[in-house]
Protein backbone atom coordinates (compact mmCIF):
# COMPACT_ATOMS: atom_id res chain seq x y z
CA MET A 1 -15.54 21.60 -4.62
CA THR A 2 -13.33 18.92 -2.96
CA PRO A 3 -12.02 19.59 0.43
CA LYS A 4 -8.34 20.50 1.09
CA ARG A 5 -5.99 17.72 1.59
CA PRO A 6 -5.85 16.59 5.17
CA PHE A 7 -2.46 16.20 7.08
CA LEU A 8 -3.27 12.35 7.39
CA LEU A 9 -3.18 12.33 3.62
CA PHE A 10 0.27 13.94 3.46
CA MET A 11 1.58 11.45 6.11
CA ILE A 12 0.23 8.45 4.15
CA VAL A 13 1.57 9.72 0.89
CA LEU A 14 5.07 10.24 2.48
CA LEU A 15 4.74 6.72 3.99
CA PHE A 16 4.21 5.09 0.70
CA LEU A 17 6.91 7.15 -1.14
CA PHE A 18 9.28 6.02 1.73
CA GLY A 19 8.19 2.40 1.01
CA SER A 20 8.85 2.91 -2.63
CA LEU A 21 12.14 4.32 -2.26
CA VAL A 22 13.27 1.51 -0.03
CA SER A 23 11.87 -0.91 -2.58
CA THR A 24 13.82 0.91 -5.35
CA LEU A 25 17.03 0.89 -3.29
CA GLY A 26 16.50 -2.88 -2.88
CA VAL A 27 16.51 -3.31 -6.67
CA ILE A 28 19.60 -1.12 -6.94
CA GLU A 29 21.53 -3.00 -4.28
CA THR A 30 20.53 -6.36 -5.68
CA ALA A 31 21.71 -5.49 -9.00
CA LYS A 32 25.02 -4.16 -7.72
CA SER A 33 25.62 -7.27 -5.64
CA TRP A 34 24.29 -9.55 -8.42
CA ASN A 35 27.64 -11.61 -8.67
CA TRP A 36 28.06 -12.04 -5.08
CA LEU A 37 24.50 -13.05 -4.53
CA ARG A 38 24.97 -15.74 -7.33
CA ALA A 39 28.41 -16.86 -6.07
CA PHE A 40 26.99 -17.73 -2.54
CA GLU A 41 23.77 -19.00 -3.95
CA ALA A 42 21.61 -16.70 -2.02
CA ARG A 43 18.17 -17.90 -1.34
CA PRO A 44 15.71 -16.78 -2.64
CA ALA A 45 17.41 -16.13 -6.01
CA PRO A 46 18.47 -12.55 -7.06
CA ILE A 47 15.79 -12.49 -9.77
CA TYR A 48 13.06 -13.04 -7.26
CA LEU A 49 14.45 -10.03 -5.20
CA ILE A 50 14.38 -7.88 -8.27
CA TYR A 51 11.05 -8.66 -9.12
CA LYS A 52 9.61 -8.37 -5.62
CA ASN A 53 11.14 -5.13 -5.10
CA ILE A 54 10.35 -3.70 -8.69
CA PHE A 55 6.57 -4.82 -8.12
CA LEU A 56 6.34 -3.13 -4.36
CA ALA A 57 8.30 -0.01 -5.61
CA LEU A 58 5.72 0.48 -8.54
CA GLY A 59 2.70 -0.47 -6.29
CA LEU A 60 3.52 1.76 -3.51
CA LEU A 61 4.47 4.76 -5.94
CA THR A 62 1.05 4.21 -7.64
CA ALA A 63 -0.75 4.23 -4.39
CA ALA A 64 1.09 7.42 -3.32
CA LEU A 65 0.31 9.30 -6.46
CA SER A 66 -3.19 8.15 -6.68
CA LEU A 67 -3.86 9.08 -3.29
CA TRP A 68 -2.22 12.46 -3.78
CA MET A 69 -4.58 12.97 -6.99
CA ARG A 70 -7.47 11.93 -4.73
CA PHE A 71 -8.89 9.17 -7.12
CA ALA A 72 -12.00 7.53 -5.59
CA TRP A 73 -10.35 4.03 -5.96
CA ALA A 74 -7.16 5.43 -4.19
CA PRO A 75 -7.98 4.17 -0.67
CA LEU A 76 -9.00 0.71 -1.60
CA PHE A 77 -5.82 0.37 -3.78
CA GLY A 78 -3.67 1.69 -1.03
CA SER A 79 -5.06 -0.97 1.32
CA VAL A 80 -4.57 -3.83 -1.25
CA ILE A 81 -0.95 -2.84 -1.79
CA THR A 82 -0.33 -2.42 2.07
CA ILE A 83 -1.99 -6.04 2.58
CA LEU A 84 0.15 -7.46 -0.15
CA ASP A 85 3.45 -5.88 1.23
CA THR A 86 2.57 -7.05 4.80
CA LEU A 87 1.92 -10.69 3.22
CA TRP A 88 4.95 -10.61 1.30
CA PHE A 89 7.14 -9.56 4.23
CA TRP A 90 5.82 -12.59 6.20
CA ILE A 91 6.16 -14.97 3.32
CA ASP A 92 9.73 -13.95 3.01
CA ARG A 93 10.46 -14.11 6.63
CA VAL A 94 8.77 -17.43 7.45
CA ILE A 95 8.81 -19.56 4.38
CA LEU A 96 11.63 -18.36 2.08
CA THR A 97 14.01 -17.89 4.77
CA GLN A 98 17.13 -20.07 4.99
CA ASP A 99 17.44 -19.77 8.67
CA PRO A 100 13.93 -19.86 10.34
CA LEU A 101 13.51 -18.39 13.73
CA PRO A 102 11.43 -19.93 16.48
CA PHE A 103 7.91 -18.47 17.05
CA SER A 104 9.02 -16.48 20.23
CA ARG A 105 11.40 -14.40 18.05
CA HIS A 106 8.66 -13.33 15.64
CA LEU A 107 6.41 -11.72 18.54
CA LEU A 108 7.64 -8.31 18.09
CA SER A 109 7.58 -8.41 14.45
CA ILE A 110 4.02 -9.72 14.44
CA LEU A 111 2.69 -6.95 16.77
CA ALA A 112 4.51 -4.29 14.90
CA SER A 113 2.99 -5.62 11.57
CA VAL A 114 -0.46 -5.90 13.07
CA LEU A 115 -0.25 -2.23 14.56
CA LEU A 116 1.26 -0.65 11.39
CA LEU A 117 -1.40 -2.67 9.10
CA THR A 118 -4.31 -1.60 11.36
CA LEU A 119 -3.03 2.22 11.28
CA ILE A 120 -2.89 2.23 7.53
CA LEU A 121 -6.13 0.51 6.91
CA LEU A 122 -7.78 2.83 9.29
CA SER A 123 -6.04 5.84 7.91
CA MET A 124 -7.37 4.60 4.31
CA TYR A 125 -11.04 4.50 5.79
CA LEU A 126 -10.69 7.87 7.31
CA LEU A 127 -9.43 9.29 3.82
CA VAL A 128 -12.18 7.93 1.61
CA PRO A 129 -14.57 11.27 2.32
CA PHE A 130 -11.57 13.40 1.02
CA MET A 131 -11.22 11.75 -2.30
CA LYS A 132 -12.74 12.91 -5.29
CA SER A 133 -16.14 11.42 -6.35
CA LYS A 134 -16.40 9.73 -9.76
CA ILE A 135 -18.98 12.35 -10.80
CA HIS A 136 -16.51 15.31 -10.33
CA ASN A 137 -18.87 18.25 -9.50
CA LYS A 138 -21.77 17.18 -11.64
CA GLU A 139 -25.17 17.84 -10.19
CA VAL A 140 -26.87 14.63 -9.71
CA SER A 141 -30.63 14.48 -10.25
CA LEU A 142 -32.36 11.79 -8.03
CA PRO A 143 -35.15 9.99 -9.37
CA PRO A 144 -38.72 10.83 -7.78
CA ASN A 145 -39.39 9.64 -4.21
CA PRO A 146 -41.31 6.31 -4.86
CA ILE A 147 -43.50 6.88 -1.58
CA THR A 148 -44.77 10.37 -2.12
CA GLY A 149 -44.03 10.69 -5.93
CA GLY A 150 -42.36 13.95 -5.56
CA SER A 151 -38.92 15.30 -4.39
CA TYR A 152 -36.98 14.03 -1.35
CA GLU A 153 -37.32 17.35 0.43
């Protein structure tokens, strides 16, 4: 029997759902403002914003649902999506921006990103024992002990 869902799981799932909602709203707003973005030659192009936000929305939604279903691979997938989201944020902020900021203006964002990334990755590590195993309640028989030739007891 798998243990109950811990409060941390609820919080991380809500955080991923919120991120998915924000990315979905980004898709909707980019689609609504498409003509304005094209008229003012926004950089990066609006199609990039659509693809990026669709990818992040689907990835974060998949991470939230897989964590809720407690699949064994869910914490690893959630960690990968979190790292990709953070890297993408910094690529957008530093490389793809039209008005780059000096390094001193990035310090608070760097600190917040590192703290949030650390918090989520540690949470994923702590949630691993609460995930369903791949064997799903089947009794596993161990091979005989190579030293004694008998059981492990």
